[in-house]
Amino acid sequence: MKNLTDKTIFITGSSRGIGREIAIECGKQGANVVIAAKSAEPHPKLPGTIHTVAAEVEAAGGQALAIQLDVRDEAGVKAAMQQAVAAFGGIDVLVNNASAISLTSLQDTDIKRFDLIHEINTRGSLVCAKAAMPYLIDSKNKQQQAHIITLSPPLNMASHWLKPFIPYTMSKYGMTLLTLGLAEELREQGVSCSTLWPQTAIATAAVEFALDANLLKQSRTPKIMADAALAVISCDDMTYTGQTLVDESLLRTLGTEDFDVYKYDPSATKLMRDLYLDT
């Protein structure tokens, strides 16, 4: 894996789960990592804060900056980007990882809940991308390949995915449409934009508490998503721009053959395919 010394990676929602794992793996490669998330104080049920992850990144060999951030706050996002630039001299990669999940039908979703999902997922990714754009373009001008990686799925218009949880699907597909559009808007300015999605369920707090703790046994660890994200971040050209990437498929193209190492439960014989994927 390429050394990421002097690269600054800004990761939203990175106090836990996939975002935390990406932060630590980037730290192992010597990156400057901005841990931007809401969790500044310990939660009684959910381990991890921006400060504990910053310590883990530094222990892994990287530089860290912890910023308490709600991606719904446009002014706060702009200020966080400026703080990152003041600390590290620029931003080379934005990882739009912050997300809210609610797998309910429209009939069972009140509008306040939909507004929350939309504001964090679609609008939050848009606000962060817009705020990061000038720094990412400047990064490319300094011969650092710039990337926006958004954790959202390929656009699957099959009726069995459109039907069950319309509000959440709208928000996640909105993140993907945003990224595909940005890939074209920023192509001539040399900023690569792609999405990344897991082939299987990932063992995170969202799975354990928001869905079903039993699904953990059918999940992979966040390490597989971190390895896939690192492969994109390490790419020095526009190879992945405009692509909706899936972690396993991407890693297979790069030579990975053993995926058992990513199982949350090593004895598991069947893993649950993630949402929006049929193959």
Protein backbone atom coordinates (compact mmCIF):
# COMPACT_ATOMS: atom_id res chain seq x y z
CA MET A 1 0.00 0.00 0.00
CA LYS A 2 1.24 3.48 -0.88
CA ASN A 3 2.59 5.69 1.89
CA LEU A 4 0.21 8.59 2.52
CA THR A 5 2.61 10.93 4.30
CA ASP A 6 1.64 14.57 3.60
CA LYS A 7 -1.85 13.57 2.45
CA THR A 8 -4.75 14.95 4.46
CA ILE A 9 -7.88 12.79 4.70
CA PHE A 10 -11.08 14.40 6.01
CA ILE A 11 -13.51 11.70 7.20
CA THR A 12 -17.04 12.45 8.41
CA GLY A 13 -18.76 10.19 10.93
CA SER A 14 -15.39 8.74 11.88
CA SER A 15 -15.74 8.24 15.63
CA ARG A 16 -16.97 4.67 15.12
CA GLY A 17 -17.46 1.85 12.63
CA ILE A 18 -16.30 2.13 9.05
CA GLY A 19 -15.17 5.74 9.38
CA ARG A 20 -12.99 4.90 12.38
CA GLU A 21 -11.44 1.95 10.57
CA ILE A 22 -10.62 4.06 7.50
CA ALA A 23 -9.06 6.69 9.78
CA ILE A 24 -6.81 4.17 11.52
CA GLU A 25 -5.73 2.51 8.26
CA CYS A 26 -4.86 5.91 6.79
CA GLY A 27 -2.91 6.63 9.96
CA LYS A 28 -0.89 3.45 9.44
CA GLN A 29 0.18 4.88 6.08
CA GLY A 30 1.34 8.12 7.68
CA ALA A 31 -1.59 10.34 6.64
CA ASN A 32 -2.92 13.44 8.32
CA VAL A 33 -6.42 12.39 9.36
CA VAL A 34 -9.28 14.69 10.30
CA ILE A 35 -11.76 12.85 12.51
CA ALA A 36 -14.96 14.84 12.06
CA ALA A 37 -17.99 13.50 13.93
CA LYS A 38 -20.61 14.45 16.51
CA SER A 39 -19.34 12.13 19.26
CA ALA A 40 -17.01 14.17 21.45
CA GLU A 41 -18.15 12.61 24.74
CA PRO A 42 -18.40 8.89 25.61
CA HIS A 43 -21.74 7.22 24.96
CA PRO A 44 -23.05 4.71 27.54
CA LYS A 45 -23.68 2.03 24.89
CA LEU A 46 -21.46 2.99 21.95
CA PRO A 47 -17.69 3.04 22.38
CA GLY A 48 -15.57 5.63 20.61
CA THR A 49 -15.29 9.40 20.33
CA ILE A 50 -13.41 11.74 18.01
CA HIS A 51 -10.71 11.95 20.67
CA THR A 52 -10.23 8.19 21.14
CA VAL A 53 -10.00 7.71 17.37
CA ALA A 54 -7.49 10.57 17.10
CA ALA A 55 -5.35 8.77 19.68
CA GLU A 56 -5.64 5.52 17.70
CA VAL A 57 -4.61 7.26 14.48
CA GLU A 58 -1.55 8.77 16.14
CA ALA A 59 -0.64 5.43 17.73
CA ALA A 60 -0.83 3.90 14.26
CA GLY A 61 1.70 6.41 12.93
CA GLY A 62 -0.42 9.23 11.51
CA GLN A 63 -1.23 12.79 12.50
CA ALA A 64 -4.74 13.45 13.78
CA LEU A 65 -7.11 16.35 14.24
CA ALA A 66 -10.38 15.74 16.11
CA ILE A 67 -13.24 18.08 15.22
CA GLN A 68 -16.74 17.83 16.64
CA LEU A 69 -18.99 18.26 13.62
CA ASP A 70 -22.63 17.89 12.61
CA VAL A 71 -22.69 17.66 8.80
CA ARG A 72 -26.11 19.36 8.82
CA ASP A 73 -24.42 22.58 9.97
CA GLU A 74 -23.15 24.33 6.83
CA ALA A 75 -21.22 26.99 8.74
CA GLY A 76 -19.73 24.31 10.98
CA VAL A 77 -18.62 22.27 7.97
CA LYS A 78 -16.91 25.27 6.39
CA ALA A 79 -15.18 26.09 9.67
CA ALA A 80 -14.03 22.47 10.06
CA MET A 81 -12.52 22.48 6.58
CA GLN A 82 -10.70 25.72 7.35
CA GLN A 83 -9.44 24.25 10.62
CA ALA A 84 -8.11 21.20 8.78
CA VAL A 85 -6.32 23.39 6.24
CA ALA A 86 -4.83 25.54 9.00
CA ALA A 87 -3.50 22.41 10.73
CA PHE A 88 -2.23 20.45 7.73
CA GLY A 89 -1.96 22.89 4.82
CA GLY A 90 -4.75 21.47 2.67
CA ILE A 91 -7.26 18.67 2.08
CA ASP A 92 -6.54 15.88 -0.40
CA VAL A 93 -9.37 13.43 0.25
CA LEU A 94 -12.93 13.79 1.53
CA VAL A 95 -14.66 10.63 2.74
CA ASN A 96 -18.42 11.19 3.05
CA ASN A 97 -19.08 8.48 5.61
CA ALA A 98 -21.57 10.14 7.99
CA SER A 99 -24.97 8.56 7.51
CA ALA A 100 -28.29 7.88 9.23
CA ILE A 101 -30.27 4.70 8.70
CA SER A 102 -33.99 4.02 9.13
CA LEU A 103 -35.38 1.02 7.29
CA THR A 104 -39.07 1.92 7.37
CA SER A 105 -41.71 2.33 4.70
CA LEU A 106 -42.93 5.80 3.81
CA GLN A 107 -46.22 5.07 5.58
CA ASP A 108 -44.29 4.32 8.78
CA THR A 109 -41.85 7.24 8.52
CA ASP A 110 -42.79 10.62 9.89
CA ILE A 111 -41.52 13.66 8.02
CA LYS A 112 -39.21 14.71 10.84
CA ARG A 113 -37.44 11.38 10.52
CA PHE A 114 -37.19 11.75 6.75
CA ASP A 115 -35.80 15.27 7.14
CA LEU A 116 -33.12 13.94 9.48
CA ILE A 117 -32.11 11.12 7.12
CA HIS A 118 -32.03 13.47 4.12
CA GLU A 119 -30.14 16.21 5.95
CA ILE A 120 -27.40 13.87 7.14
CA ASN A 121 -27.11 11.61 4.11
CA THR A 122 -27.81 13.56 0.93
CA ARG A 123 -27.59 17.17 2.06
CA GLY A 124 -24.71 16.50 4.45
CA SER A 125 -22.63 14.88 1.71
CA LEU A 126 -23.41 17.78 -0.62
CA VAL A 127 -22.49 20.41 1.98
CA CYS A 128 -19.20 18.67 2.76
CA ALA A 129 -18.32 18.21 -0.91
CA LYS A 130 -19.06 21.84 -1.72
CA ALA A 131 -16.99 23.09 1.20
CA ALA A 132 -14.07 20.80 0.32
CA MET A 133 -14.02 21.55 -3.43
CA PRO A 134 -11.61 24.52 -3.42
CA TYR A 135 -9.09 22.62 -1.31
CA LEU A 136 -9.38 19.44 -3.38
CA ILE A 137 -8.84 21.37 -6.61
CA ASP A 138 -5.84 23.09 -5.02
CA SER A 139 -4.55 19.68 -3.93
CA LYS A 140 -4.56 18.47 -7.53
CA ASN A 141 -2.77 21.62 -8.58
CA LYS A 142 -0.04 20.64 -6.09
CA GLN A 143 0.30 17.26 -7.84
CA GLN A 144 -1.60 15.39 -5.11
CA GLN A 145 -4.39 13.26 -6.57
CA ALA A 146 -7.61 14.44 -4.94
CA HIS A 147 -10.57 12.19 -4.19
CA ILE A 148 -14.12 12.34 -2.91
CA ILE A 149 -15.28 8.93 -1.69
CA THR A 150 -18.94 8.66 -0.71
CA LEU A 151 -20.28 5.60 1.09
CA SER A 152 -23.40 4.92 -0.92
CA PRO A 153 -24.67 2.11 -3.15
CA PRO A 154 -24.84 1.50 -6.89
CA LEU A 155 -28.15 2.68 -8.34
CA ASN A 156 -30.32 -0.43 -8.46
CA MET A 157 -33.79 0.39 -9.81
CA ALA A 158 -35.23 -3.08 -9.21
CA SER A 159 -38.71 -2.83 -7.69
CA HIS A 160 -37.77 -5.00 -4.72
CA TRP A 161 -35.30 -2.30 -3.65
CA LEU A 162 -37.50 0.65 -4.50
CA LYS A 163 -40.43 -0.67 -2.47
CA PRO A 164 -39.45 -1.39 1.14
CA PHE A 165 -37.85 1.74 2.65
CA ILE A 166 -38.38 4.65 0.29
CA PRO A 167 -37.07 7.46 2.57
CA TYR A 168 -33.72 5.77 3.24
CA THR A 169 -33.31 4.64 -0.36
CA MET A 170 -33.96 8.16 -1.63
CA SER A 171 -31.27 9.53 0.66
CA LYS A 172 -28.62 6.92 -0.21
CA TYR A 173 -29.34 7.04 -3.95
CA GLY A 174 -29.19 10.82 -3.63
CA MET A 175 -25.63 10.47 -2.31
CA THR A 176 -24.75 8.34 -5.32
CA LEU A 177 -26.33 10.75 -7.81
CA LEU A 178 -24.42 13.58 -6.16
CA THR A 179 -21.15 11.69 -6.58
CA LEU A 180 -21.78 10.75 -10.21
CA GLY A 181 -22.59 14.38 -10.95
CA LEU A 182 -19.49 15.61 -9.14
CA ALA A 183 -17.37 13.17 -11.13
CA GLU A 184 -18.35 15.08 -14.27
CA GLU A 185 -18.32 18.57 -12.74
CA LEU A 186 -14.81 18.07 -11.34
CA ARG A 187 -13.34 15.83 -14.05
CA GLU A 188 -11.50 18.60 -15.89
CA GLN A 189 -10.16 19.91 -12.58
CA GLY A 190 -8.67 16.54 -11.77
CA VAL A 191 -10.73 15.57 -8.72
CA SER A 192 -11.77 11.91 -8.69
CA CYS A 193 -15.25 11.15 -7.29
CA SER A 194 -16.52 7.64 -6.61
CA THR A 195 -18.86 5.76 -4.30
CA LEU A 196 -17.98 2.74 -2.19
CA TRP A 197 -20.41 0.15 -0.80
CA PRO A 198 -19.96 -3.17 1.03
CA GLN A 199 -20.77 -6.48 -0.60
CA THR A 200 -21.99 -7.83 2.74
CA ALA A 201 -23.34 -6.42 5.96
CA ILE A 202 -20.63 -4.78 8.05
CA ALA A 203 -20.38 -5.29 11.81
CA THR A 204 -21.06 -1.80 13.13
CA ALA A 205 -23.19 -0.25 15.83
CA ALA A 206 -25.84 0.48 13.20
CA VAL A 207 -26.20 -3.24 12.54
CA GLU A 208 -26.05 -4.20 16.20
CA PHE A 209 -28.47 -1.62 17.60
CA ALA A 210 -30.48 -0.15 14.71
CA LEU A 211 -31.12 -3.45 12.94
CA ASP A 212 -30.46 -6.84 14.56
CA ALA A 213 -27.50 -7.91 16.69
CA ASN A 214 -27.83 -11.44 15.26
CA LEU A 215 -26.76 -10.05 11.89
CA LEU A 216 -23.27 -9.50 13.26
CA LYS A 217 -22.58 -13.21 12.79
CA GLN A 218 -23.38 -12.79 9.08
CA SER A 219 -21.23 -9.69 8.68
CA ARG A 220 -17.69 -8.71 7.81
CA THR A 221 -15.57 -6.35 9.86
CA PRO A 222 -15.13 -2.70 8.81
CA LYS A 223 -11.54 -3.57 7.82
CA ILE A 224 -12.67 -4.65 4.35
CA MET A 225 -14.21 -1.25 3.66
CA ALA A 226 -11.10 0.47 5.01
CA ASP A 227 -8.85 -1.59 2.73
CA ALA A 228 -11.06 -0.77 -0.27
CA ALA A 229 -11.12 2.94 0.61
CA LEU A 230 -7.35 2.93 1.02
CA ALA A 231 -6.98 1.42 -2.46
CA VAL A 232 -8.96 4.34 -3.91
CA ILE A 233 -7.09 6.94 -1.84
CA SER A 234 -3.76 5.47 -2.97
CA CYS A 235 -4.69 5.74 -6.65
CA ASP A 236 -2.67 8.48 -8.34
CA ASP A 237 -4.99 9.03 -11.29
CA MET A 238 -8.66 9.26 -12.26
CA THR A 239 -9.13 5.49 -12.66
CA TYR A 240 -12.07 5.26 -10.27
CA THR A 241 -13.88 8.51 -10.99
CA GLY A 242 -17.54 8.13 -11.84
CA GLN A 243 -17.60 4.53 -10.61
CA THR A 244 -19.92 2.96 -8.03
CA LEU A 245 -17.46 0.60 -6.38
CA VAL A 246 -18.20 -2.45 -4.22
CA ASP A 247 -15.51 -3.40 -1.70
CA GLU A 248 -15.09 -7.10 -2.55
CA SER A 249 -15.16 -6.59 -6.31
CA LEU A 250 -12.62 -3.78 -6.09
CA LEU A 251 -10.25 -5.76 -3.88
CA ARG A 252 -10.53 -8.82 -6.15
CA THR A 253 -9.39 -6.75 -9.12
CA LEU A 254 -6.36 -5.75 -7.05
CA GLY A 255 -5.43 -9.34 -6.26
CA THR A 256 -7.11 -10.09 -2.93
CA GLU A 257 -8.22 -13.73 -2.74
CA ASP A 258 -8.76 -14.49 0.94
CA PHE A 259 -11.92 -12.79 2.21
CA ASP A 260 -12.39 -15.09 5.20
CA VAL A 261 -10.02 -12.82 7.14
CA TYR A 262 -12.73 -10.17 7.09
CA LYS A 263 -15.44 -12.30 8.73
CA TYR A 264 -16.73 -10.95 12.03
CA ASP A 265 -17.47 -14.54 13.07
CA PRO A 266 -14.76 -16.84 11.64
CA SER A 267 -17.12 -19.82 11.85
CA ALA A 268 -19.83 -18.18 9.72
CA THR A 269 -20.75 -20.18 6.62
CA LYS A 270 -23.13 -17.63 5.10
CA LEU A 271 -22.85 -13.85 5.00
CA MET A 272 -25.72 -11.44 4.44
CA ARG A 273 -25.54 -9.54 1.17
CA ASP A 274 -25.87 -5.82 1.75
CA LEU A 275 -28.78 -3.69 0.63
CA TYR A 276 -29.25 -2.81 -3.05
CA LEU A 277 -26.99 -5.63 -4.31
CA ASP A 278 -28.42 -8.62 -6.19
CA THR A 279 -25.17 -10.23 -7.33
